[in-house]
Amino acid sequence: MKLIIFGCGGHARSVANAIISNGDALDILFADNNAKPDEIIMGFPVIYDYDLSGDWKYIIAVGDNNKRREIYDDLQNKKKGKCISVVSQMAYIGEETEIGVGTFIAPYAYVGPQAEIGVNTIINTGSIIEHEAAIGNHTHIAPRATICGRSKIGNNVFCGAGSTIIDNISICDDVIVGAGAVVLEDITEKGTYAGIPARRVKRIPILK
């Protein structure tokens, strides 16, 4: 299978490493406009120009939610290639779980039964998505973050490393939860939240 990984930063390397560890035999290319000339990553070339015609598949391996969504929307509009999800064989996926296209589930992540994961989303290393939780599109659950049972996380949300969302909590779209924060109440306004318990510390612009 031919695969283009969009991005060549740290997250792209993590995605490539998961693919290799899964034992998938792939013809991999990295695509990134910021790559150095003739750059090679993990034995694979980095390209500037790409053609998704033919049997090319792709995944967008960019940690920033806004940039990842922008690339995803652009590629979907071009209607070329096939966006795929990558699930590490070292992750645990529960029964009746739904995983959206373009999503990456990293090693040692736990996704409990009947959880729902949106499209183009990152469930990073060691994070926990408990039973019946719902994670939106273009969202990033950072390493060792915990989303407890039946909580609902919106679109374009970033839950920082080691943050905790207790059970039955709802978080609206376009929210940043800082590293180590503990969310004890629903979040209904866009912004950045930090601390224990989490409180809003900064407003962020409404995304169009």
Protein backbone atom coordinates (compact mmCIF):
# COMPACT_ATOMS: atom_id res chain seq x y z
CA MET A 1 0.00 0.00 0.00
CA LYS A 2 1.22 3.49 -0.85
CA LEU A 3 0.81 5.99 1.99
CA ILE A 4 1.48 9.71 2.28
CA ILE A 5 1.91 11.04 5.82
CA PHE A 6 1.20 14.76 5.84
CA GLY A 7 3.63 16.44 8.23
CA CYS A 8 7.22 15.71 9.16
CA GLY A 9 7.36 16.82 12.79
CA GLY A 10 7.36 14.76 15.94
CA HIS A 11 3.76 13.59 15.63
CA ALA A 12 4.33 12.42 12.04
CA ARG A 13 7.24 10.32 13.26
CA SER A 14 5.03 8.79 15.96
CA VAL A 15 2.42 7.86 13.36
CA ALA A 16 5.05 6.34 11.08
CA ASN A 17 6.52 4.40 13.98
CA ALA A 18 3.10 2.95 14.84
CA ILE A 19 2.59 1.89 11.23
CA ILE A 20 5.98 0.20 11.12
CA SER A 21 5.41 -1.48 14.50
CA ASN A 22 2.08 -2.82 13.23
CA GLY A 23 4.06 -4.67 10.57
CA ASP A 24 2.27 -2.99 7.67
CA ALA A 25 4.25 -3.20 4.44
CA LEU A 26 3.92 0.29 3.03
CA ASP A 27 5.53 2.58 0.52
CA ILE A 28 5.65 5.66 2.78
CA LEU A 29 6.26 9.28 1.82
CA PHE A 30 6.18 12.29 4.12
CA ALA A 31 4.73 15.49 2.63
CA ASP A 32 5.51 18.85 4.21
CA ASN A 33 6.15 22.30 2.74
CA ASN A 34 8.58 23.06 5.57
CA ALA A 35 10.80 20.05 4.98
CA LYS A 36 14.51 20.49 4.36
CA PRO A 37 15.80 19.75 0.84
CA ASP A 38 16.37 16.02 0.29
CA GLU A 39 15.26 15.31 3.86
CA ILE A 40 14.90 11.67 4.89
CA ILE A 41 12.89 10.64 7.96
CA MET A 42 13.13 7.10 9.34
CA GLY A 43 14.39 5.95 5.96
CA PHE A 44 11.52 7.52 3.99
CA PRO A 45 11.73 10.59 1.71
CA VAL A 46 10.02 13.92 2.37
CA ILE A 47 8.35 15.50 -0.66
CA TYR A 48 6.97 18.95 -1.45
CA ASP A 49 4.73 18.07 -4.38
CA TYR A 50 2.40 15.10 -4.28
CA ASP A 51 -0.15 13.40 -6.48
CA LEU A 52 -2.95 11.50 -4.76
CA SER A 53 -4.21 9.90 -7.95
CA GLY A 54 -4.07 6.14 -8.27
CA ASP A 55 -4.07 3.98 -5.16
CA TRP A 56 -2.45 6.44 -2.74
CA LYS A 57 -3.78 6.55 0.80
CA TYR A 58 -3.00 9.26 3.34
CA ILE A 59 -3.20 10.32 6.97
CA ILE A 60 -2.66 13.82 8.33
CA ALA A 61 -0.08 13.64 11.11
CA VAL A 62 -0.06 17.21 12.40
CA GLY A 63 -0.60 17.85 16.10
CA ASP A 64 -2.16 21.31 15.71
CA ASN A 65 -5.94 20.92 15.39
CA ASN A 66 -6.54 23.93 13.16
CA LYS A 67 -3.80 23.05 10.70
CA ARG A 68 -4.83 19.39 10.64
CA ARG A 69 -8.44 20.33 9.92
CA GLU A 70 -7.38 22.76 7.17
CA ILE A 71 -5.37 20.06 5.39
CA TYR A 72 -8.16 17.51 5.86
CA ASP A 73 -10.82 19.80 4.38
CA ASP A 74 -8.58 20.69 1.44
CA LEU A 75 -7.86 17.05 0.60
CA GLN A 76 -11.50 16.05 0.99
CA ASN A 77 -12.50 18.79 -1.44
CA LYS A 78 -9.99 17.51 -4.00
CA LYS A 79 -11.60 14.05 -3.77
CA LYS A 80 -8.34 12.24 -4.49
CA GLY A 81 -6.67 9.50 -2.53
CA LYS A 82 -8.20 7.74 0.45
CA CYS A 83 -7.91 8.99 4.01
CA ILE A 84 -7.21 6.16 6.46
CA SER A 85 -7.05 5.71 10.21
CA VAL A 86 -4.04 4.26 12.01
CA VAL A 87 -4.60 2.27 15.19
CA SER A 88 -1.56 0.95 17.00
CA GLN A 89 -1.65 -2.74 17.77
CA MET A 90 -0.50 -1.76 21.26
CA ALA A 91 -3.70 0.24 21.87
CA TYR A 92 -6.78 -1.31 23.48
CA ILE A 93 -10.04 -0.84 21.58
CA GLY A 94 -13.26 -1.88 23.33
CA GLU A 95 -16.33 -3.54 21.89
CA GLU A 96 -18.78 -1.53 19.75
CA THR A 97 -16.39 1.39 19.49
CA GLU A 98 -16.67 3.73 16.49
CA ILE A 99 -13.51 5.30 15.08
CA GLY A 100 -13.75 8.02 12.44
CA VAL A 101 -11.68 8.17 9.28
CA GLY A 102 -8.26 9.80 9.50
CA THR A 103 -7.92 9.21 13.24
CA PHE A 104 -4.71 8.09 14.94
CA ILE A 105 -4.81 5.97 18.09
CA ALA A 106 -1.36 5.72 19.61
CA PRO A 107 0.34 2.92 21.54
CA TYR A 108 -0.99 2.21 25.04
CA ALA A 109 -4.13 4.27 24.52
CA TYR A 110 -7.30 2.78 25.99
CA VAL A 111 -10.62 3.28 24.22
CA GLY A 112 -13.45 1.73 26.20
CA PRO A 113 -16.59 -0.04 24.99
CA GLN A 114 -19.14 1.93 22.98
CA ALA A 115 -16.93 5.00 22.81
CA GLU A 116 -17.16 7.20 19.71
CA ILE A 117 -14.10 8.86 18.17
CA GLY A 118 -14.58 11.49 15.45
CA VAL A 119 -12.74 12.04 12.17
CA ASN A 120 -9.19 13.36 11.87
CA THR A 121 -8.69 13.08 15.63
CA ILE A 122 -5.66 12.12 17.74
CA ILE A 123 -5.89 9.79 20.73
CA ASN A 124 -2.31 10.06 21.90
CA THR A 125 0.04 7.80 23.84
CA GLY A 126 -1.36 6.36 27.06
CA SER A 127 -4.56 8.39 26.99
CA ILE A 128 -7.80 6.92 28.31
CA ILE A 129 -11.20 7.26 26.66
CA GLU A 130 -13.64 5.48 28.93
CA HIS A 131 -16.89 3.68 28.15
CA GLU A 132 -19.53 5.54 26.11
CA ALA A 133 -17.45 8.71 25.88
CA ALA A 134 -17.70 10.72 22.66
CA ILE A 135 -14.77 12.60 21.13
CA GLY A 136 -15.44 15.11 18.34
CA ASN A 137 -13.79 15.77 14.99
CA HIS A 138 -10.33 17.36 14.60
CA THR A 139 -9.69 16.96 18.34
CA HIS A 140 -6.46 16.02 20.12
CA ILE A 141 -6.38 14.05 23.37
CA ALA A 142 -2.77 14.44 24.50
CA PRO A 143 -0.61 11.79 26.21
CA ARG A 144 -2.03 10.37 29.45
CA ALA A 145 -5.14 12.54 29.38
CA THR A 146 -8.23 10.82 30.79
CA ILE A 147 -11.77 11.24 29.50
CA CYS A 148 -14.09 9.49 31.93
CA GLY A 149 -17.23 7.58 31.05
CA ARG A 150 -20.09 9.18 29.10
CA SER A 151 -18.31 12.50 28.75
CA LYS A 152 -18.70 14.36 25.46
CA ILE A 153 -15.81 16.32 23.97
CA GLY A 154 -16.58 18.69 21.09
CA ASN A 155 -14.86 19.43 17.80
CA ASN A 156 -11.46 21.13 17.63
CA VAL A 157 -10.75 20.53 21.32
CA PHE A 158 -7.28 20.02 22.79
CA CYS A 159 -7.02 18.17 26.11
CA GLY A 160 -3.47 18.65 27.36
CA ALA A 161 -1.13 16.01 28.71
CA GLY A 162 -2.31 14.48 31.97
CA SER A 163 -5.59 16.40 32.04
CA THR A 164 -8.69 14.73 33.47
CA ILE A 165 -12.31 15.14 32.41
CA ILE A 166 -14.54 13.49 35.02
CA ASP A 167 -17.57 11.41 34.07
CA ASN A 168 -20.66 12.85 32.36
CA ILE A 169 -18.98 16.15 31.45
CA SER A 170 -19.66 18.03 28.20
CA ILE A 171 -17.07 20.30 26.57
CA CYS A 172 -18.13 22.56 23.70
CA ASP A 173 -16.21 23.09 20.46
CA ASP A 174 -12.97 25.11 20.24
CA VAL A 175 -11.67 24.60 23.78
CA ILE A 176 -8.14 24.11 25.09
CA VAL A 177 -7.76 22.25 28.39
CA GLY A 178 -4.30 22.80 29.84
CA ALA A 179 -1.89 20.07 30.89
CA GLY A 180 -2.79 18.57 34.25
CA ALA A 181 -6.11 20.41 34.49
CA VAL A 182 -9.13 18.69 36.06
CA VAL A 183 -12.52 19.52 34.57
CA LEU A 184 -15.31 19.06 37.12
CA GLU A 185 -18.10 20.99 35.37
CA ASP A 186 -19.43 21.33 31.84
CA ILE A 187 -17.55 23.81 29.63
CA THR A 188 -20.00 25.79 27.51
CA GLU A 189 -17.83 28.72 26.37
CA LYS A 190 -14.88 28.62 23.99
CA GLY A 191 -11.50 29.41 25.53
CA THR A 192 -8.49 28.05 27.37
CA TYR A 193 -9.05 26.37 30.72
CA ALA A 194 -6.41 25.45 33.30
CA GLY A 195 -5.98 24.47 36.93
CA ILE A 196 -7.69 22.25 39.49
CA PRO A 197 -10.57 22.69 39.15
CA ALA A 198 -10.26 24.01 35.61
CA ARG A 199 -11.18 27.67 35.10
CA ARG A 200 -11.14 29.78 31.96
CA VAL A 201 -7.93 31.76 31.66
CA LYS A 202 -8.14 32.99 28.07
CA ARG A 203 -10.72 33.53 25.37
CA ILE A 204 -9.95 32.21 21.90
CA PRO A 205 -11.42 33.46 18.61
CA ILE A 206 -14.45 31.71 17.21
CA LEU A 207 -13.32 29.64 14.24
CA LYS A 208 -15.12 30.15 10.96
